[in-house]
Amino acid sequence: MKVLVTGADGFIGSHLTETLVRRGYDVRAFVYYNSFNSWGWLNNCTADVAGKFEVFSGDIRDPHGVKKAMEGCHAVLHLAALIGIPYSYHSPDTYVDTNIKGTLNILQAARELGVQKVVHTSTSEVYGTARFVPITEEHPLQGQSPYSASKIGADQMALSFYASFETPVAIIRPFNTYGPRQSARAVIPTIISQIAAGKKQIQLGATTPTRDFSFVEDTVEGFIKALNAEEVIGKVTNLGSGFEISIGQTAEMIATLMDAPVEFITDNNRIRPDKSEVERLFASYEQAQKRMGWQPAYGGEAGFRKGLQKTIEWFTDANNLSHYKTNNYAI
């Protein structure tokens, strides 16, 4: 099977690309065109993967390039998106173009080319603050940030193509994926990278919200399961860990695992507007089990500690930490 991975240069996309190659798939990696000819995290892939996948440089907002990238592919795993919530307050128009229009480009090309499967990436942010837990796929959608609103729009566009044209679309909705290579905009890398850089006062945003953190290996496995399952077509499927923890408790756990006597300081620049903060996320992944035989290998508190340890080991490698600007907070 020839598979196109969009957003292959990013955090989850690079892990997914590598795993697909290792499992024998014919992979075309769609990376964001830039004058540096950078493939993002794929520049650093391991020797067993390097040179064993095709690279297509383009822009998900360009329908012509998207269709060209998809030619000859049996399936598309669509991860390309703008994901930073603070930046969505600053530049919401770019989120509409990238997340909604980019997804439309994928869907339209898939329809015209007769692609056998499109797996579209959603986010737990579309649920907003939980009205009930665990959150099932029937939970109401709440656009509490321009980012989450754009992802709701993209999800609905995908479902509309299934309903209108029978385009074989599946939507995977991961809850707060973390792990090696994640941007320091996210809370777990920002804590680990600051401690690894020797800081004693760790800058954080709100500490009371709770999250369901999923290790990147579990998320990758969810995409591959979805690629090969028929029951997910036309449906939304959650991926979660079965464990809920507050940001403050997460910070304390990381400090303990890193044996770091640190103080946590609130940085107002990292605080979301009151009504925009998602106060609680906790997933039901029952449908993932039923539809595609998926369950987290890093589930529960023990799995979370195991995933954190792997993430810490990666970030504390000086070569990896050098990719991060620990003295600057970028939205």
C-alpha atoms as a PDB file:
ATOM      1  CA  MET A   1       0.000   0.000   0.000  1.00  0.00           C
ATOM      2  CA  LYS A   2       1.325   3.447  -0.943  1.00  0.00           C
ATOM      3  CA  VAL A   3       0.486   5.942   1.772  1.00  0.00           C
ATOM      4  CA  LEU A   4       0.760   9.728   1.775  1.00  0.00           C
ATOM      5  CA  VAL A   5       1.423  11.286   5.189  1.00  0.00           C
ATOM      6  CA  THR A   6       0.736  15.018   5.352  1.00  0.00           C
ATOM      7  CA  GLY A   7       2.483  16.920   8.110  1.00  0.00           C
ATOM      8  CA  ALA A   8       5.212  14.273   7.950  1.00  0.00           C
ATOM      9  CA  ASP A   9       7.820  16.822   9.029  1.00  0.00           C
ATOM     10  CA  GLY A  10       6.080  17.458  12.356  1.00  0.00           C
ATOM     11  CA  PHE A  11       5.982  15.812  15.758  1.00  0.00           C
ATOM     12  CA  ILE A  12       3.425  13.030  15.284  1.00  0.00           C
ATOM     13  CA  GLY A  13       3.846  12.885  11.507  1.00  0.00           C
ATOM     14  CA  SER A  14       7.564  12.092  11.669  1.00  0.00           C
ATOM     15  CA  HIS A  15       7.022   9.266  14.162  1.00  0.00           C
ATOM     16  CA  LEU A  16       4.187   7.925  12.008  1.00  0.00           C
ATOM     17  CA  THR A  17       6.293   8.091   8.828  1.00  0.00           C
ATOM     18  CA  GLU A  18       9.140   6.174  10.440  1.00  0.00           C
ATOM     19  CA  THR A  19       6.856   3.490  11.861  1.00  0.00           C
ATOM     20  CA  LEU A  20       5.109   2.975   8.518  1.00  0.00           C
ATOM     21  CA  VAL A  21       8.467   2.551   6.774  1.00  0.00           C
ATOM     22  CA  ARG A  22       9.605   0.028   9.372  1.00  0.00           C
ATOM     23  CA  ARG A  23       6.411  -1.957   8.792  1.00  0.00           C
ATOM     24  CA  GLY A  24       6.953  -2.154   5.065  1.00  0.00           C
ATOM     25  CA  TYR A  25       4.612   0.518   3.715  1.00  0.00           C
ATOM     26  CA  ASP A  26       5.515   2.535   0.627  1.00  0.00           C
ATOM     27  CA  VAL A  27       5.490   6.038   2.119  1.00  0.00           C
ATOM     28  CA  ARG A  28       5.347   9.462   0.519  1.00  0.00           C
ATOM     29  CA  ALA A  29       6.023  12.171   3.111  1.00  0.00           C
ATOM     30  CA  PHE A  30       4.353  15.525   2.438  1.00  0.00           C
ATOM     31  CA  VAL A  31       6.493  18.236   4.088  1.00  0.00           C
ATOM     32  CA  TYR A  32       6.003  21.992   4.180  1.00  0.00           C
ATOM     33  CA  TYR A  33       7.974  23.653   1.390  1.00  0.00           C
ATOM     34  CA  ASN A  34      10.732  25.993   2.579  1.00  0.00           C
ATOM     35  CA  SER A  35      13.840  27.532   1.028  1.00  0.00           C
ATOM     36  CA  PHE A  36      16.107  25.666   3.468  1.00  0.00           C
ATOM     37  CA  ASN A  37      15.011  22.330   1.975  1.00  0.00           C
ATOM     38  CA  SER A  38      14.317  21.196   5.517  1.00  0.00           C
ATOM     39  CA  TRP A  39      12.239  18.082   6.120  1.00  0.00           C
ATOM     40  CA  GLY A  40      11.616  19.023   9.730  1.00  0.00           C
ATOM     41  CA  TRP A  41      12.081  16.120  12.125  1.00  0.00           C
ATOM     42  CA  LEU A  42      12.595  13.761   9.184  1.00  0.00           C
ATOM     43  CA  ASN A  43      16.034  15.336   8.793  1.00  0.00           C
ATOM     44  CA  ASN A  44      16.963  13.375  11.923  1.00  0.00           C
ATOM     45  CA  CYS A  45      15.394   9.996  11.179  1.00  0.00           C
ATOM     46  CA  THR A  46      17.328   6.884  12.111  1.00  0.00           C
ATOM     47  CA  ALA A  47      19.518   4.897   9.731  1.00  0.00           C
ATOM     48  CA  ASP A  48      16.993   2.082   9.313  1.00  0.00           C
ATOM     49  CA  VAL A  49      14.497   4.609   7.874  1.00  0.00           C
ATOM     50  CA  ALA A  50      16.679   7.184   6.083  1.00  0.00           C
ATOM     51  CA  GLY A  51      16.370   7.043   2.299  1.00  0.00           C
ATOM     52  CA  LYS A  52      13.488   4.581   2.397  1.00  0.00           C
ATOM     53  CA  PHE A  53      10.624   7.015   1.848  1.00  0.00           C
ATOM     54  CA  GLU A  54       9.739   9.577  -0.804  1.00  0.00           C
ATOM     55  CA  VAL A  55       9.521  13.277   0.071  1.00  0.00           C
ATOM     56  CA  PHE A  56       7.096  15.738  -1.517  1.00  0.00           C
ATOM     57  CA  SER A  57       7.588  19.411  -0.580  1.00  0.00           C
ATOM     58  CA  GLY A  58       4.468  21.528  -0.863  1.00  0.00           C
ATOM     59  CA  ASP A  59       1.797  23.518   0.907  1.00  0.00           C
ATOM     60  CA  ILE A  60      -1.437  21.946   2.132  1.00  0.00           C
ATOM     61  CA  ARG A  61      -3.238  25.182   1.195  1.00  0.00           C
ATOM     62  CA  ASP A  62      -2.434  24.656  -2.508  1.00  0.00           C
ATOM     63  CA  PRO A  63      -5.014  22.334  -4.132  1.00  0.00           C
ATOM     64  CA  HIS A  64      -2.858  21.664  -7.208  1.00  0.00           C
ATOM     65  CA  GLY A  65       0.169  20.585  -5.193  1.00  0.00           C
ATOM     66  CA  VAL A  66      -1.990  18.498  -2.866  1.00  0.00           C
ATOM     67  CA  LYS A  67      -3.537  16.594  -5.749  1.00  0.00           C
ATOM     68  CA  LYS A  68      -0.119  16.047  -7.322  1.00  0.00           C
ATOM     69  CA  ALA A  69       1.177  14.656  -4.023  1.00  0.00           C
ATOM     70  CA  MET A  70      -1.749  12.242  -3.791  1.00  0.00           C
ATOM     71  CA  GLU A  71      -1.405  10.782  -7.284  1.00  0.00           C
ATOM     72  CA  GLY A  72      -0.682   7.068  -7.123  1.00  0.00           C
ATOM     73  CA  CYS A  73      -1.450   6.798  -3.407  1.00  0.00           C
ATOM     74  CA  HIS A  74      -3.932   4.268  -2.031  1.00  0.00           C
ATOM     75  CA  ALA A  75      -4.457   6.095   1.267  1.00  0.00           C
ATOM     76  CA  VAL A  76      -3.794   9.422   2.962  1.00  0.00           C
ATOM     77  CA  LEU A  77      -3.026  10.019   6.631  1.00  0.00           C
ATOM     78  CA  HIS A  78      -3.779  13.721   6.975  1.00  0.00           C
ATOM     79  CA  LEU A  79      -1.955  15.366   9.869  1.00  0.00           C
ATOM     80  CA  ALA A  80      -0.880  18.708   8.360  1.00  0.00           C
ATOM     81  CA  ALA A  81      -2.361  21.534  10.450  1.00  0.00           C
ATOM     82  CA  LEU A  82      -1.641  24.627  12.483  1.00  0.00           C
ATOM     83  CA  ILE A  83      -2.039  23.508  16.090  1.00  0.00           C
ATOM     84  CA  GLY A  84      -0.777  26.253  18.427  1.00  0.00           C
ATOM     85  CA  ILE A  85      -3.714  27.627  20.413  1.00  0.00           C
ATOM     86  CA  PRO A  86      -2.108  30.954  21.441  1.00  0.00           C
ATOM     87  CA  TYR A  87      -1.128  31.671  17.832  1.00  0.00           C
ATOM     88  CA  SER A  88      -4.729  31.071  16.781  1.00  0.00           C
ATOM     89  CA  TYR A  89      -5.741  34.101  18.886  1.00  0.00           C
ATOM     90  CA  HIS A  90      -3.145  36.129  16.983  1.00  0.00           C
ATOM     91  CA  SER A  91      -3.740  34.880  13.415  1.00  0.00           C
ATOM     92  CA  PRO A  92      -7.064  33.032  13.124  1.00  0.00           C
ATOM     93  CA  ASP A  93      -7.283  33.530   9.357  1.00  0.00           C
ATOM     94  CA  THR A  94      -4.297  31.262   8.800  1.00  0.00           C
ATOM     95  CA  TYR A  95      -6.056  28.490  10.746  1.00  0.00           C
ATOM     96  CA  VAL A  96      -9.060  28.646   8.437  1.00  0.00           C
ATOM     97  CA  ASP A  97      -6.813  28.473   5.374  1.00  0.00           C
ATOM     98  CA  THR A  98      -4.603  25.677   6.670  1.00  0.00           C
ATOM     99  CA  ASN A  99      -6.939  23.532   8.737  1.00  0.00           C
ATOM    100  CA  ILE A 100     -10.248  23.878   6.902  1.00  0.00           C
ATOM    101  CA  LYS A 101      -9.176  24.705   3.353  1.00  0.00           C
ATOM    102  CA  GLY A 102      -6.210  22.323   3.569  1.00  0.00           C
ATOM    103  CA  THR A 103      -8.520  19.503   4.607  1.00  0.00           C
ATOM    104  CA  LEU A 104     -10.917  20.395   1.786  1.00  0.00           C
ATOM    105  CA  ASN A 105      -8.013  20.105  -0.659  1.00  0.00           C
ATOM    106  CA  ILE A 106      -7.259  16.597   0.612  1.00  0.00           C
ATOM    107  CA  LEU A 107     -10.901  15.525   0.409  1.00  0.00           C
ATOM    108  CA  GLN A 108     -11.501  16.939  -3.050  1.00  0.00           C
ATOM    109  CA  ALA A 109      -8.355  15.305  -4.441  1.00  0.00           C
ATOM    110  CA  ALA A 110      -9.260  11.997  -2.761  1.00  0.00           C
ATOM    111  CA  ARG A 111     -12.676  12.106  -4.387  1.00  0.00           C
ATOM    112  CA  GLU A 112     -11.286  12.887  -7.822  1.00  0.00           C
ATOM    113  CA  LEU A 113      -8.457  10.333  -7.623  1.00  0.00           C
ATOM    114  CA  GLY A 114     -10.487   7.532  -6.059  1.00  0.00           C
ATOM    115  CA  VAL A 115      -8.278   7.212  -2.988  1.00  0.00           C
ATOM    116  CA  GLN A 116      -9.242   4.148  -0.932  1.00  0.00           C
ATOM    117  CA  LYS A 117      -8.962   5.701   2.558  1.00  0.00           C
ATOM    118  CA  VAL A 118      -8.471   9.137   4.112  1.00  0.00           C
ATOM    119  CA  VAL A 119      -7.666   9.236   7.819  1.00  0.00           C
ATOM    120  CA  HIS A 120      -8.174  12.786   9.058  1.00  0.00           C
ATOM    121  CA  THR A 121      -6.681  14.057  12.314  1.00  0.00           C
ATOM    122  CA  SER A 122      -8.978  15.771  14.792  1.00  0.00           C
ATOM    123  CA  THR A 123      -8.203  16.926  18.353  1.00  0.00           C
ATOM    124  CA  SER A 124      -9.767  16.627  21.790  1.00  0.00           C
ATOM    125  CA  GLU A 125      -9.869  20.442  21.870  1.00  0.00           C
ATOM    126  CA  VAL A 126     -13.047  20.287  19.739  1.00  0.00           C
ATOM    127  CA  TYR A 127     -14.936  19.055  22.800  1.00  0.00           C
ATOM    128  CA  GLY A 128     -14.059  22.102  24.905  1.00  0.00           C
ATOM    129  CA  THR A 129     -14.421  21.777  28.672  1.00  0.00           C
ATOM    130  CA  ALA A 130     -15.976  18.384  29.387  1.00  0.00           C
ATOM    131  CA  ARG A 131     -19.701  18.396  30.108  1.00  0.00           C
ATOM    132  CA  PHE A 132     -19.440  14.739  31.109  1.00  0.00           C
ATOM    133  CA  VAL A 133     -16.608  12.221  31.492  1.00  0.00           C
ATOM    134  CA  PRO A 134     -15.293  10.059  30.108  1.00  0.00           C
ATOM    135  CA  ILE A 135     -15.825  12.008  26.881  1.00  0.00           C
ATOM    136  CA  THR A 136     -17.392   9.871  24.169  1.00  0.00           C
ATOM    137  CA  GLU A 137     -17.581  10.704  20.488  1.00  0.00           C
ATOM    138  CA  GLU A 138     -21.173  11.927  21.068  1.00  0.00           C
ATOM    139  CA  HIS A 139     -20.013  14.768  23.351  1.00  0.00           C
ATOM    140  CA  PRO A 140     -21.101  18.235  22.084  1.00  0.00           C
ATOM    141  CA  LEU A 141     -18.496  20.201  20.116  1.00  0.00           C
ATOM    142  CA  GLN A 142     -17.457  23.571  21.537  1.00  0.00           C
ATOM    143  CA  GLY A 143     -15.152  25.983  19.722  1.00  0.00           C
ATOM    144  CA  GLN A 144     -13.425  27.629  22.670  1.00  0.00           C
ATOM    145  CA  SER A 145     -10.496  28.900  20.577  1.00  0.00           C
ATOM    146  CA  PRO A 146     -10.053  29.785  16.905  1.00  0.00           C
ATOM    147  CA  TYR A 147      -7.883  26.663  16.665  1.00  0.00           C
ATOM    148  CA  SER A 148     -10.587  24.334  17.971  1.00  0.00           C
ATOM    149  CA  ALA A 149     -13.203  26.056  15.817  1.00  0.00           C
ATOM    150  CA  SER A 150     -11.062  25.469  12.719  1.00  0.00           C
ATOM    151  CA  LYS A 151     -10.660  21.800  13.608  1.00  0.00           C
ATOM    152  CA  ILE A 152     -14.417  21.439  14.111  1.00  0.00           C
ATOM    153  CA  GLY A 153     -14.827  22.918  10.638  1.00  0.00           C
ATOM    154  CA  ALA A 154     -12.275  20.523   9.177  1.00  0.00           C
ATOM    155  CA  ASP A 155     -13.887  17.516  10.878  1.00  0.00           C
ATOM    156  CA  GLN A 156     -17.322  18.459   9.603  1.00  0.00           C
ATOM    157  CA  MET A 157     -15.957  18.970   6.102  1.00  0.00           C
ATOM    158  CA  ALA A 158     -14.546  15.438   6.218  1.00  0.00           C
ATOM    159  CA  LEU A 159     -17.829  13.961   7.432  1.00  0.00           C
ATOM    160  CA  SER A 160     -19.736  15.914   4.776  1.00  0.00           C
ATOM    161  CA  PHE A 161     -17.657  14.300   2.006  1.00  0.00           C
ATOM    162  CA  TYR A 162     -18.489  10.878   3.418  1.00  0.00           C
ATOM    163  CA  ALA A 163     -22.197  11.735   3.569  1.00  0.00           C
ATOM    164  CA  SER A 164     -22.355  13.506   0.207  1.00  0.00           C
ATOM    165  CA  PHE A 165     -19.952  11.527  -1.964  1.00  0.00           C
ATOM    166  CA  GLU A 166     -19.189   8.348   0.029  1.00  0.00           C
ATOM    167  CA  THR A 167     -15.556   9.419   0.236  1.00  0.00           C
ATOM    168  CA  PRO A 168     -13.980   6.805   2.564  1.00  0.00           C
ATOM    169  CA  VAL A 169     -13.006   9.116   5.414  1.00  0.00           C
ATOM    170  CA  ALA A 170     -12.187   8.140   8.990  1.00  0.00           C
ATOM    171  CA  ILE A 171     -11.593  10.713  11.743  1.00  0.00           C
ATOM    172  CA  ILE A 172      -9.130   9.946  14.522  1.00  0.00           C
ATOM    173  CA  ARG A 173      -9.388  12.226  17.580  1.00  0.00           C
ATOM    174  CA  PRO A 174      -6.271  11.946  19.797  1.00  0.00           C
ATOM    175  CA  PHE A 175      -6.254  13.382  23.300  1.00  0.00           C
ATOM    176  CA  ASN A 176      -3.148  15.465  24.100  1.00  0.00           C
ATOM    177  CA  THR A 177      -0.366  13.494  22.478  1.00  0.00           C
ATOM    178  CA  TYR A 178       3.105  13.952  24.031  1.00  0.00           C
ATOM    179  CA  GLY A 179       6.563  12.514  23.524  1.00  0.00           C
ATOM    180  CA  PRO A 180       9.963  13.101  21.885  1.00  0.00           C
ATOM    181  CA  ARG A 181      10.094  15.921  19.287  1.00  0.00           C
ATOM    182  CA  GLN A 182       6.991  17.716  20.517  1.00  0.00           C
ATOM    183  CA  SER A 183       7.023  21.505  20.323  1.00  0.00           C
ATOM    184  CA  ALA A 184       7.854  23.311  23.547  1.00  0.00           C
ATOM    185  CA  ARG A 185       4.584  25.213  23.110  1.00  0.00           C
ATOM    186  CA  ALA A 186       3.016  22.112  24.659  1.00  0.00           C
ATOM    187  CA  VAL A 187       3.053  21.797  28.423  1.00  0.00           C
ATOM    188  CA  ILE A 188       5.057  18.574  28.930  1.00  0.00           C
ATOM    189  CA  PRO A 189       7.989  19.616  26.691  1.00  0.00           C
ATOM    190  CA  THR A 190       8.019  23.124  28.152  1.00  0.00           C
ATOM    191  CA  ILE A 191       8.417  21.715  31.661  1.00  0.00           C
ATOM    192  CA  ILE A 192      11.021  19.107  30.709  1.00  0.00           C
ATOM    193  CA  SER A 193      13.070  21.432  28.494  1.00  0.00           C
ATOM    194  CA  GLN A 194      13.239  24.170  31.140  1.00  0.00           C
ATOM    195  CA  ILE A 195      14.382  21.702  33.810  1.00  0.00           C
ATOM    196  CA  ALA A 196      16.854  20.085  31.400  1.00  0.00           C
ATOM    197  CA  ALA A 197      18.308  23.529  30.683  1.00  0.00           C
ATOM    198  CA  GLY A 198      19.035  23.964  34.393  1.00  0.00           C
ATOM    199  CA  LYS A 199      16.294  26.428  35.291  1.00  0.00           C
ATOM    200  CA  LYS A 200      15.120  26.493  38.893  1.00  0.00           C
ATOM    201  CA  GLN A 201      11.972  28.546  38.313  1.00  0.00           C
ATOM    202  CA  ILE A 202       9.745  26.867  35.746  1.00  0.00           C
ATOM    203  CA  GLN A 203       7.317  29.086  33.834  1.00  0.00           C
ATOM    204  CA  LEU A 204       3.818  27.647  33.426  1.00  0.00           C
ATOM    205  CA  GLY A 205       0.318  28.716  32.484  1.00  0.00           C
ATOM    206  CA  ALA A 206      -2.804  27.451  34.268  1.00  0.00           C
ATOM    207  CA  THR A 207      -2.148  24.431  36.486  1.00  0.00           C
ATOM    208  CA  THR A 208      -5.684  23.398  37.476  1.00  0.00           C
ATOM    209  CA  PRO A 209      -7.004  22.104  34.091  1.00  0.00           C
ATOM    210  CA  THR A 210      -6.891  18.332  33.649  1.00  0.00           C
ATOM    211  CA  ARG A 211      -5.790  16.430  30.568  1.00  0.00           C
ATOM    212  CA  ASP A 212      -5.741  12.889  29.176  1.00  0.00           C
ATOM    213  CA  PHE A 213      -2.166  12.576  27.894  1.00  0.00           C
ATOM    214  CA  SER A 214      -1.468   9.979  25.185  1.00  0.00           C
ATOM    215  CA  PHE A 215       2.074   8.861  24.388  1.00  0.00           C
ATOM    216  CA  VAL A 216       3.040   9.351  20.748  1.00  0.00           C
ATOM    217  CA  GLU A 217       3.631   5.632  20.143  1.00  0.00           C
ATOM    218  CA  ASP A 218       0.002   4.956  21.064  1.00  0.00           C
ATOM    219  CA  THR A 219      -1.241   7.718  18.760  1.00  0.00           C
ATOM    220  CA  VAL A 220       0.851   6.362  15.878  1.00  0.00           C
ATOM    221  CA  GLU A 221      -0.552   2.884  16.466  1.00  0.00           C
ATOM    222  CA  GLY A 222      -4.052   4.366  16.368  1.00  0.00           C
ATOM    223  CA  PHE A 223      -3.441   5.836  12.908  1.00  0.00           C
ATOM    224  CA  ILE A 224      -2.113   2.551  11.564  1.00  0.00           C
ATOM    225  CA  LYS A 225      -5.038   0.620  13.045  1.00  0.00           C
ATOM    226  CA  ALA A 226      -7.436   3.127  11.441  1.00  0.00           C
ATOM    227  CA  LEU A 227      -5.669   2.744   8.105  1.00  0.00           C
ATOM    228  CA  ASN A 228      -6.496  -0.955   8.102  1.00  0.00           C
ATOM    229  CA  ALA A 229      -9.968  -0.971   9.720  1.00  0.00           C
ATOM    230  CA  GLU A 230     -13.261  -0.693   7.861  1.00  0.00           C
ATOM    231  CA  GLU A 231     -15.435   0.044  10.903  1.00  0.00           C
ATOM    232  CA  VAL A 232     -13.946   3.522  11.333  1.00  0.00           C
ATOM    233  CA  ILE A 233     -15.092   4.866   7.944  1.00  0.00           C
ATOM    234  CA  GLY A 234     -17.597   7.677   8.282  1.00  0.00           C
ATOM    235  CA  LYS A 235     -17.033   7.862  12.034  1.00  0.00           C
ATOM    236  CA  VAL A 236     -15.066   9.757  14.677  1.00  0.00           C
ATOM    237  CA  THR A 237     -12.890   7.614  16.967  1.00  0.00           C
ATOM    238  CA  ASN A 238     -11.229   8.850  20.168  1.00  0.00           C
ATOM    239  CA  LEU A 239      -7.720   7.864  21.246  1.00  0.00           C
ATOM    240  CA  GLY A 240      -6.988   8.323  24.957  1.00  0.00           C
ATOM    241  CA  SER A 241      -5.007   6.864  27.842  1.00  0.00           C
ATOM    242  CA  GLY A 242      -7.681   6.104  30.438  1.00  0.00           C
ATOM    243  CA  PHE A 243      -5.950   8.447  32.875  1.00  0.00           C
ATOM    244  CA  GLU A 244      -6.758  12.026  33.888  1.00  0.00           C
ATOM    245  CA  ILE A 245      -4.269  14.337  35.608  1.00  0.00           C
ATOM    246  CA  SER A 246      -3.988  18.071  36.246  1.00  0.00           C
ATOM    247  CA  ILE A 247      -1.265  20.222  34.720  1.00  0.00           C
ATOM    248  CA  GLY A 248       0.043  20.978  38.217  1.00  0.00           C
ATOM    249  CA  GLN A 249       0.247  17.289  39.132  1.00  0.00           C
ATOM    250  CA  THR A 250       1.954  16.587  35.805  1.00  0.00           C
ATOM    251  CA  ALA A 251       4.570  19.253  36.536  1.00  0.00           C
ATOM    252  CA  GLU A 252       5.257  17.782  39.978  1.00  0.00           C
ATOM    253  CA  MET A 253       5.538  14.270  38.533  1.00  0.00           C
ATOM    254  CA  ILE A 254       8.058  15.425  35.930  1.00  0.00           C
ATOM    255  CA  ALA A 255      10.131  17.262  38.563  1.00  0.00           C
ATOM    256  CA  THR A 256      10.181  14.095  40.697  1.00  0.00           C
ATOM    257  CA  LEU A 257      11.180  11.882  37.773  1.00  0.00           C
ATOM    258  CA  MET A 258      13.963  14.322  36.885  1.00  0.00           C
ATOM    259  CA  ASP A 259      15.003  14.643  40.551  1.00  0.00           C
ATOM    260  CA  ALA A 260      14.823  18.432  40.154  1.00  0.00           C
ATOM    261  CA  PRO A 261      14.128  20.775  43.098  1.00  0.00           C
ATOM    262  CA  VAL A 262      12.280  23.489  41.184  1.00  0.00           C
ATOM    263  CA  GLU A 263       9.651  26.148  41.757  1.00  0.00           C
ATOM    264  CA  PHE A 264       6.702  26.594  39.421  1.00  0.00           C
ATOM    265  CA  ILE A 265       5.859  30.186  38.482  1.00  0.00           C
ATOM    266  CA  THR A 266       2.736  31.405  36.692  1.00  0.00           C
ATOM    267  CA  ASP A 267       3.554  33.265  33.492  1.00  0.00           C
ATOM    268  CA  ASN A 268       0.566  35.387  32.490  1.00  0.00           C
ATOM    269  CA  ASN A 269       1.633  35.193  28.827  1.00  0.00           C
ATOM    270  CA  ARG A 270       0.798  31.471  28.956  1.00  0.00           C
ATOM    271  CA  ILE A 271      -2.701  31.927  30.397  1.00  0.00           C
ATOM    272  CA  ARG A 272      -5.621  31.520  28.003  1.00  0.00           C
ATOM    273  CA  PRO A 273      -8.611  33.892  28.176  1.00  0.00           C
ATOM    274  CA  ASP A 274     -11.014  32.622  30.866  1.00  0.00           C
ATOM    275  CA  LYS A 275     -13.763  31.375  28.573  1.00  0.00           C
ATOM    276  CA  SER A 276     -11.236  29.882  26.156  1.00  0.00           C
ATOM    277  CA  GLU A 277      -9.462  27.620  28.649  1.00  0.00           C
ATOM    278  CA  VAL A 278     -10.493  23.976  28.405  1.00  0.00           C
ATOM    279  CA  GLU A 279     -10.791  22.976  32.048  1.00  0.00           C
ATOM    280  CA  ARG A 280     -11.191  19.227  31.720  1.00  0.00           C
ATOM    281  CA  LEU A 281     -10.455  16.518  29.139  1.00  0.00           C
ATOM    282  CA  PHE A 282     -10.757  12.795  29.810  1.00  0.00           C
ATOM    283  CA  ALA A 283     -11.403  10.323  26.991  1.00  0.00           C
ATOM    284  CA  SER A 284     -13.457   7.234  26.473  1.00  0.00           C
ATOM    285  CA  TYR A 285     -11.593   5.031  23.978  1.00  0.00           C
ATOM    286  CA  GLU A 286     -14.182   2.266  23.991  1.00  0.00           C
ATOM    287  CA  GLN A 287     -14.998   2.775  20.306  1.00  0.00           C
ATOM    288  CA  ALA A 288     -11.312   2.488  19.338  1.00  0.00           C
ATOM    289  CA  GLN A 289     -11.260  -0.909  21.023  1.00  0.00           C
ATOM    290  CA  LYS A 290     -14.445  -2.055  19.309  1.00  0.00           C
ATOM    291  CA  ARG A 291     -13.828  -0.687  15.821  1.00  0.00           C
ATOM    292  CA  MET A 292     -10.136  -1.346  15.316  1.00  0.00           C
ATOM    293  CA  GLY A 293      -8.785  -3.337  18.258  1.00  0.00           C
ATOM    294  CA  TRP A 294      -6.760  -0.422  19.640  1.00  0.00           C
ATOM    295  CA  GLN A 295      -5.913   0.245  23.237  1.00  0.00           C
ATOM    296  CA  PRO A 296      -3.102   2.274  24.804  1.00  0.00           C
ATOM    297  CA  ALA A 297       0.153   0.525  25.598  1.00  0.00           C
ATOM    298  CA  TYR A 298       0.957   3.512  27.836  1.00  0.00           C
ATOM    299  CA  GLY A 299      -2.405   3.641  29.607  1.00  0.00           C
ATOM    300  CA  GLY A 300      -3.152   4.575  33.216  1.00  0.00           C
ATOM    301  CA  GLU A 301      -0.786   6.222  35.677  1.00  0.00           C
ATOM    302  CA  ALA A 302       1.933   3.584  35.240  1.00  0.00           C
ATOM    303  CA  GLY A 303       1.859   4.027  31.464  1.00  0.00           C
ATOM    304  CA  PHE A 304       1.980   7.800  31.837  1.00  0.00           C
ATOM    305  CA  ARG A 305       5.096   7.572  34.014  1.00  0.00           C
ATOM    306  CA  LYS A 306       6.701   5.229  31.476  1.00  0.00           C
ATOM    307  CA  GLY A 307       5.926   7.626  28.611  1.00  0.00           C
ATOM    308  CA  LEU A 308       7.220  10.598  30.592  1.00  0.00           C
ATOM    309  CA  GLN A 309      10.454   8.767  31.319  1.00  0.00           C
ATOM    310  CA  LYS A 310      11.016   8.106  27.608  1.00  0.00           C
ATOM    311  CA  THR A 311      10.238  11.744  26.833  1.00  0.00           C
ATOM    312  CA  ILE A 312      12.614  12.982  29.535  1.00  0.00           C
ATOM    313  CA  GLU A 313      15.406  10.727  28.249  1.00  0.00           C
ATOM    314  CA  TRP A 314      15.004  12.180  24.771  1.00  0.00           C
ATOM    315  CA  PHE A 315      14.879  15.831  25.841  1.00  0.00           C
ATOM    316  CA  THR A 316      17.851  15.528  28.215  1.00  0.00           C
ATOM    317  CA  ASP A 317      20.075  14.385  25.356  1.00  0.00           C
ATOM    318  CA  ALA A 318      22.068  17.546  24.577  1.00  0.00           C
ATOM    319  CA  ASN A 319      21.749  17.018  20.819  1.00  0.00           C
ATOM    320  CA  ASN A 320      17.967  16.969  21.078  1.00  0.00           C
ATOM    321  CA  LEU A 321      17.681  19.795  23.590  1.00  0.00           C
ATOM    322  CA  SER A 322      19.740  22.013  21.265  1.00  0.00           C
ATOM    323  CA  HIS A 323      16.713  22.221  18.941  1.00  0.00           C
ATOM    324  CA  TYR A 324      14.789  24.145  21.607  1.00  0.00           C
ATOM    325  CA  LYS A 325      15.015  27.798  22.719  1.00  0.00           C
ATOM    326  CA  THR A 326      14.409  27.361  26.432  1.00  0.00           C
ATOM    327  CA  ASN A 327      14.866  31.075  27.181  1.00  0.00           C
ATOM    328  CA  ASN A 328      12.037  32.139  24.890  1.00  0.00           C
ATOM    329  CA  TYR A 329       8.307  31.487  24.967  1.00  0.00           C
ATOM    330  CA  ALA A 330       6.883  31.404  21.452  1.00  0.00           C
ATOM    331  CA  ILE A 331       3.144  31.444  20.901  1.00  0.00           C
END
